[in-house]
């Protein structure tokens, strides 16, 4: 899974071995496009994740003729390890989705004040459904599902059966501010 985290002129690390960016953009002053990649770098699918990582690096190098630039902007990428765990992958994908949605609302202003204002009360789609940041305390809220696992004919494993859908209001922690 690949996710983009937007353009930045802030310092950041990458696993590509290319120069990082400075406060003025890339090491050569160019604006930077950051790309995030989710892969199983540890766990049962580690060998596939490492192939994904190498393939991404080689493909991007080939696609840019070795310049690691697109549209005059330097490309940086960061690999995030999903640990071969679906919940970890979802968690690591959700934050960039929220940030990209907030950056759209601020027309690219990545200052803390602008992002906080944009994210207060913001709803966005995640791999697990709609998530909303509660305005009062910035708590992330979303629908939860209570299930039980049942043995079913024709399946070699227990199958999840929905017991109850819990709305964000049903599961929201109390406001602590």
C-alpha atoms as a PDB file:
ATOM      1  CA  UNK A   1       0.000   0.000   0.000  1.00  0.00           C
ATOM      2  CA  UNK A   2       1.293   3.433  -0.892  1.00  0.00           C
ATOM      3  CA  UNK A   3       0.148   6.669   0.649  1.00  0.00           C
ATOM      4  CA  UNK A   4       1.255  10.203  -0.045  1.00  0.00           C
ATOM      5  CA  UNK A   5       1.877  12.582   2.784  1.00  0.00           C
ATOM      6  CA  UNK A   6       1.993  15.785   0.762  1.00  0.00           C
ATOM      7  CA  UNK A   7       4.607  18.371  -0.058  1.00  0.00           C
ATOM      8  CA  UNK A   8       6.894  19.744   2.553  1.00  0.00           C
ATOM      9  CA  UNK A   9       9.874  21.926   3.063  1.00  0.00           C
ATOM     10  CA  UNK A  10      10.599  20.566   6.525  1.00  0.00           C
ATOM     11  CA  UNK A  11      13.416  18.230   7.397  1.00  0.00           C
ATOM     12  CA  UNK A  12      12.533  14.542   7.215  1.00  0.00           C
ATOM     13  CA  UNK A  13      14.258  11.225   6.947  1.00  0.00           C
ATOM     14  CA  UNK A  14      13.828   8.746   4.156  1.00  0.00           C
ATOM     15  CA  UNK A  15      14.972   5.245   3.493  1.00  0.00           C
ATOM     16  CA  UNK A  16      15.946   5.878  -0.109  1.00  0.00           C
ATOM     17  CA  UNK A  17      19.438   7.051   0.652  1.00  0.00           C
ATOM     18  CA  UNK A  18      18.759  10.345  -1.132  1.00  0.00           C
ATOM     19  CA  UNK A  19      19.409  13.730   0.368  1.00  0.00           C
ATOM     20  CA  UNK A  20      16.896  14.930   2.918  1.00  0.00           C
ATOM     21  CA  UNK A  21      15.302  18.314   2.840  1.00  0.00           C
ATOM     22  CA  UNK A  22      16.337  21.461   4.624  1.00  0.00           C
ATOM     23  CA  UNK A  23      14.172  24.313   5.852  1.00  0.00           C
ATOM     24  CA  UNK A  24      14.339  25.781   2.325  1.00  0.00           C
ATOM     25  CA  UNK A  25      13.230  22.548   0.633  1.00  0.00           C
ATOM     26  CA  UNK A  26      15.500  19.764  -0.562  1.00  0.00           C
ATOM     27  CA  UNK A  27      19.273  19.957  -0.175  1.00  0.00           C
ATOM     28  CA  UNK A  28      19.329  21.860  -3.457  1.00  0.00           C
ATOM     29  CA  UNK A  29      16.462  24.173  -2.438  1.00  0.00           C
ATOM     30  CA  UNK A  30      13.811  22.295  -4.426  1.00  0.00           C
ATOM     31  CA  UNK A  31      10.355  21.621  -3.041  1.00  0.00           C
ATOM     32  CA  UNK A  32       9.951  18.062  -1.777  1.00  0.00           C
ATOM     33  CA  UNK A  33       7.192  15.551  -2.479  1.00  0.00           C
ATOM     34  CA  UNK A  34       7.045  12.930   0.250  1.00  0.00           C
ATOM     35  CA  UNK A  35       5.702   9.462  -0.441  1.00  0.00           C
ATOM     36  CA  UNK A  36       4.968   6.907   2.250  1.00  0.00           C
ATOM     37  CA  UNK A  37       4.912   3.175   1.620  1.00  0.00           C
ATOM     38  CA  UNK A  38       3.380   0.578   3.923  1.00  0.00           C
ATOM     39  CA  UNK A  39       5.002  -2.845   3.748  1.00  0.00           C
ATOM     40  CA  UNK A  40       5.485  -5.909   5.949  1.00  0.00           C
ATOM     41  CA  UNK A  41       9.150  -5.390   6.801  1.00  0.00           C
ATOM     42  CA  UNK A  42       8.894  -7.755   9.788  1.00  0.00           C
ATOM     43  CA  UNK A  43       6.627 -10.663  10.590  1.00  0.00           C
ATOM     44  CA  UNK A  44       5.406 -13.593   8.526  1.00  0.00           C
ATOM     45  CA  UNK A  45       5.444 -11.657   5.224  1.00  0.00           C
ATOM     46  CA  UNK A  46       8.798  -9.962   5.787  1.00  0.00           C
ATOM     47  CA  UNK A  47      10.378 -11.391   2.620  1.00  0.00           C
ATOM     48  CA  UNK A  48       7.536  -9.991   0.488  1.00  0.00           C
ATOM     49  CA  UNK A  49       7.747  -6.626   2.229  1.00  0.00           C
ATOM     50  CA  UNK A  50      11.454  -6.362   1.533  1.00  0.00           C
ATOM     51  CA  UNK A  51      10.765  -7.208  -2.123  1.00  0.00           C
ATOM     52  CA  UNK A  52       8.109  -4.483  -2.159  1.00  0.00           C
ATOM     53  CA  UNK A  53      10.600  -2.018  -0.707  1.00  0.00           C
ATOM     54  CA  UNK A  54      13.341  -2.856  -3.211  1.00  0.00           C
ATOM     55  CA  UNK A  55      10.860  -2.895  -6.108  1.00  0.00           C
ATOM     56  CA  UNK A  56       9.511   0.523  -5.119  1.00  0.00           C
ATOM     57  CA  UNK A  57      13.006   1.997  -4.880  1.00  0.00           C
ATOM     58  CA  UNK A  58      14.073   0.539  -8.237  1.00  0.00           C
ATOM     59  CA  UNK A  59      10.802   1.485  -9.926  1.00  0.00           C
ATOM     60  CA  UNK A  60      10.987   5.082  -8.738  1.00  0.00           C
ATOM     61  CA  UNK A  61      14.624   5.310  -9.787  1.00  0.00           C
ATOM     62  CA  UNK A  62      13.701   3.967 -13.238  1.00  0.00           C
ATOM     63  CA  UNK A  63      10.589   6.175 -13.602  1.00  0.00           C
ATOM     64  CA  UNK A  64      12.587   9.322 -12.827  1.00  0.00           C
ATOM     65  CA  UNK A  65      15.663   8.352 -14.900  1.00  0.00           C
ATOM     66  CA  UNK A  66      17.669   8.314 -11.684  1.00  0.00           C
ATOM     67  CA  UNK A  67      16.848  11.934 -10.792  1.00  0.00           C
ATOM     68  CA  UNK A  68      14.355  11.136  -8.007  1.00  0.00           C
ATOM     69  CA  UNK A  69      12.388  14.189  -9.159  1.00  0.00           C
ATOM     70  CA  UNK A  70       8.936  14.728 -10.636  1.00  0.00           C
ATOM     71  CA  UNK A  71       7.652  18.040 -11.974  1.00  0.00           C
ATOM     72  CA  UNK A  72      10.823  19.740 -10.763  1.00  0.00           C
ATOM     73  CA  UNK A  73      10.262  18.531  -7.192  1.00  0.00           C
ATOM     74  CA  UNK A  74      12.519  16.173  -5.276  1.00  0.00           C
ATOM     75  CA  UNK A  75      10.946  12.886  -4.194  1.00  0.00           C
ATOM     76  CA  UNK A  76      11.512  11.491  -0.715  1.00  0.00           C
ATOM     77  CA  UNK A  77       9.937   8.323   0.571  1.00  0.00           C
ATOM     78  CA  UNK A  78       9.524   6.664   3.913  1.00  0.00           C
ATOM     79  CA  UNK A  79       8.761   2.993   4.489  1.00  0.00           C
ATOM     80  CA  UNK A  80       6.513   2.107   7.393  1.00  0.00           C
ATOM     81  CA  UNK A  81       6.515  -1.445   8.719  1.00  0.00           C
ATOM     82  CA  UNK A  82       3.040  -2.957   9.054  1.00  0.00           C
ATOM     83  CA  UNK A  83       4.609  -5.816  11.047  1.00  0.00           C
ATOM     84  CA  UNK A  84       2.313  -8.076   8.966  1.00  0.00           C
ATOM     85  CA  UNK A  85      -0.551  -6.966  11.218  1.00  0.00           C
ATOM     86  CA  UNK A  86      -3.739  -5.531   9.668  1.00  0.00           C
ATOM     87  CA  UNK A  87      -4.423  -3.261  12.665  1.00  0.00           C
ATOM     88  CA  UNK A  88      -0.909  -1.826  12.489  1.00  0.00           C
ATOM     89  CA  UNK A  89      -1.302  -1.182   8.747  1.00  0.00           C
ATOM     90  CA  UNK A  90      -4.633   0.595   9.296  1.00  0.00           C
ATOM     91  CA  UNK A  91      -3.186   2.686  12.118  1.00  0.00           C
ATOM     92  CA  UNK A  92      -0.193   3.738  10.041  1.00  0.00           C
ATOM     93  CA  UNK A  93      -2.392   4.560   7.038  1.00  0.00           C
ATOM     94  CA  UNK A  94      -4.956   6.590   8.992  1.00  0.00           C
ATOM     95  CA  UNK A  95      -2.686   9.424  10.186  1.00  0.00           C
ATOM     96  CA  UNK A  96      -1.475  10.388   6.700  1.00  0.00           C
ATOM     97  CA  UNK A  97      -5.064  10.316   5.413  1.00  0.00           C
ATOM     98  CA  UNK A  98      -6.087  12.796   8.121  1.00  0.00           C
ATOM     99  CA  UNK A  99      -3.090  15.022   7.440  1.00  0.00           C
ATOM    100  CA  UNK A 100      -3.673  15.066   3.670  1.00  0.00           C
ATOM    101  CA  UNK A 101      -7.366  15.915   4.192  1.00  0.00           C
ATOM    102  CA  UNK A 102      -6.403  18.704   6.603  1.00  0.00           C
ATOM    103  CA  UNK A 103      -3.780  20.054   4.187  1.00  0.00           C
ATOM    104  CA  UNK A 104      -6.468  20.233   1.504  1.00  0.00           C
ATOM    105  CA  UNK A 105      -8.604  22.328   3.870  1.00  0.00           C
ATOM    106  CA  UNK A 106      -5.673  24.677   4.627  1.00  0.00           C
ATOM    107  CA  UNK A 107      -4.578  24.970   0.978  1.00  0.00           C
ATOM    108  CA  UNK A 108      -1.259  23.392   1.931  1.00  0.00           C
ATOM    109  CA  UNK A 109      -0.551  25.436   5.059  1.00  0.00           C
ATOM    110  CA  UNK A 110       1.217  22.901   7.280  1.00  0.00           C
ATOM    111  CA  UNK A 111       1.611  25.147  10.325  1.00  0.00           C
ATOM    112  CA  UNK A 112       0.419  23.624  13.582  1.00  0.00           C
ATOM    113  CA  UNK A 113      -2.214  26.317  14.143  1.00  0.00           C
ATOM    114  CA  UNK A 114      -3.706  25.866  10.659  1.00  0.00           C
ATOM    115  CA  UNK A 115      -3.782  22.064  10.943  1.00  0.00           C
ATOM    116  CA  UNK A 116      -5.346  22.119  14.415  1.00  0.00           C
ATOM    117  CA  UNK A 117      -8.079  24.456  13.230  1.00  0.00           C
ATOM    118  CA  UNK A 118      -8.694  22.365  10.098  1.00  0.00           C
ATOM    119  CA  UNK A 119      -8.853  19.084  12.014  1.00  0.00           C
ATOM    120  CA  UNK A 120     -11.214  20.224  14.787  1.00  0.00           C
ATOM    121  CA  UNK A 121     -14.487  18.463  14.039  1.00  0.00           C
ATOM    122  CA  UNK A 122     -13.102  17.089  10.767  1.00  0.00           C
ATOM    123  CA  UNK A 123     -14.478  13.794   9.450  1.00  0.00           C
ATOM    124  CA  UNK A 124     -12.533  11.687   6.970  1.00  0.00           C
ATOM    125  CA  UNK A 125     -12.639   8.203   5.483  1.00  0.00           C
ATOM    126  CA  UNK A 126     -10.239   5.558   6.778  1.00  0.00           C
ATOM    127  CA  UNK A 127      -9.801   1.887   5.885  1.00  0.00           C
ATOM    128  CA  UNK A 128     -12.077   1.159   8.883  1.00  0.00           C
ATOM    129  CA  UNK A 129     -14.801   3.696   8.027  1.00  0.00           C
ATOM    130  CA  UNK A 130     -15.482   7.343   8.821  1.00  0.00           C
ATOM    131  CA  UNK A 131     -13.458   8.894  11.628  1.00  0.00           C
ATOM    132  CA  UNK A 132     -14.195  12.257  13.240  1.00  0.00           C
ATOM    133  CA  UNK A 133     -11.972  14.383  15.468  1.00  0.00           C
ATOM    134  CA  UNK A 134     -14.081  15.696  18.333  1.00  0.00           C
ATOM    135  CA  UNK A 135     -13.722  19.467  18.434  1.00  0.00           C
ATOM    136  CA  UNK A 136     -13.600  19.813  22.234  1.00  0.00           C
ATOM    137  CA  UNK A 137     -10.587  17.584  22.857  1.00  0.00           C
ATOM    138  CA  UNK A 138      -9.429  16.287  19.451  1.00  0.00           C
ATOM    139  CA  UNK A 139     -10.382  12.704  20.383  1.00  0.00           C
ATOM    140  CA  UNK A 140     -10.688  10.475  17.289  1.00  0.00           C
ATOM    141  CA  UNK A 141     -14.097   8.787  17.168  1.00  0.00           C
ATOM    142  CA  UNK A 142     -15.472   6.119  14.841  1.00  0.00           C
ATOM    143  CA  UNK A 143     -18.019   3.322  14.675  1.00  0.00           C
ATOM    144  CA  UNK A 144     -16.981   0.136  16.487  1.00  0.00           C
ATOM    145  CA  UNK A 145     -18.293  -3.371  16.037  1.00  0.00           C
ATOM    146  CA  UNK A 146     -18.879  -6.042  18.686  1.00  0.00           C
ATOM    147  CA  UNK A 147     -18.487  -9.514  17.187  1.00  0.00           C
ATOM    148  CA  UNK A 148     -18.147 -13.100  18.254  1.00  0.00           C
ATOM    149  CA  UNK A 149     -16.394 -15.885  16.409  1.00  0.00           C
ATOM    150  CA  UNK A 150     -18.524 -18.893  15.503  1.00  0.00           C
ATOM    151  CA  UNK A 151     -17.693 -22.188  13.903  1.00  0.00           C
ATOM    152  CA  UNK A 152     -19.632 -22.424  10.630  1.00  0.00           C
ATOM    153  CA  UNK A 153     -20.109 -25.340   8.291  1.00  0.00           C
ATOM    154  CA  UNK A 154     -17.900 -25.055   5.238  1.00  0.00           C
ATOM    155  CA  UNK A 155     -15.227 -22.990   6.996  1.00  0.00           C
ATOM    156  CA  UNK A 156     -12.011 -24.329   8.526  1.00  0.00           C
ATOM    157  CA  UNK A 157     -11.817 -21.330  10.856  1.00  0.00           C
ATOM    158  CA  UNK A 158     -14.197 -19.386  13.106  1.00  0.00           C
ATOM    159  CA  UNK A 159     -16.258 -16.766  11.272  1.00  0.00           C
ATOM    160  CA  UNK A 160     -16.986 -13.329  12.776  1.00  0.00           C
ATOM    161  CA  UNK A 161     -20.664 -12.695  13.495  1.00  0.00           C
ATOM    162  CA  UNK A 162     -21.852  -9.139  14.208  1.00  0.00           C
ATOM    163  CA  UNK A 163     -23.442  -8.733  17.635  1.00  0.00           C
ATOM    164  CA  UNK A 164     -23.831  -4.973  17.725  1.00  0.00           C
ATOM    165  CA  UNK A 165     -22.746  -1.832  15.888  1.00  0.00           C
ATOM    166  CA  UNK A 166     -21.629   0.860  18.322  1.00  0.00           C
ATOM    167  CA  UNK A 167     -21.843   4.465  17.139  1.00  0.00           C
ATOM    168  CA  UNK A 168     -19.096   6.963  17.971  1.00  0.00           C
ATOM    169  CA  UNK A 169     -21.495   8.499  20.522  1.00  0.00           C
ATOM    170  CA  UNK A 170     -21.881   5.083  22.211  1.00  0.00           C
ATOM    171  CA  UNK A 171     -18.132   4.623  22.677  1.00  0.00           C
ATOM    172  CA  UNK A 172     -16.864   8.199  23.036  1.00  0.00           C
ATOM    173  CA  UNK A 173     -14.773   8.768  26.141  1.00  0.00           C
ATOM    174  CA  UNK A 174     -15.894  11.694  28.303  1.00  0.00           C
ATOM    175  CA  UNK A 175     -14.447  15.103  27.468  1.00  0.00           C
ATOM    176  CA  UNK A 176     -11.525  15.663  29.847  1.00  0.00           C
ATOM    177  CA  UNK A 177     -10.732  19.321  29.044  1.00  0.00           C
END
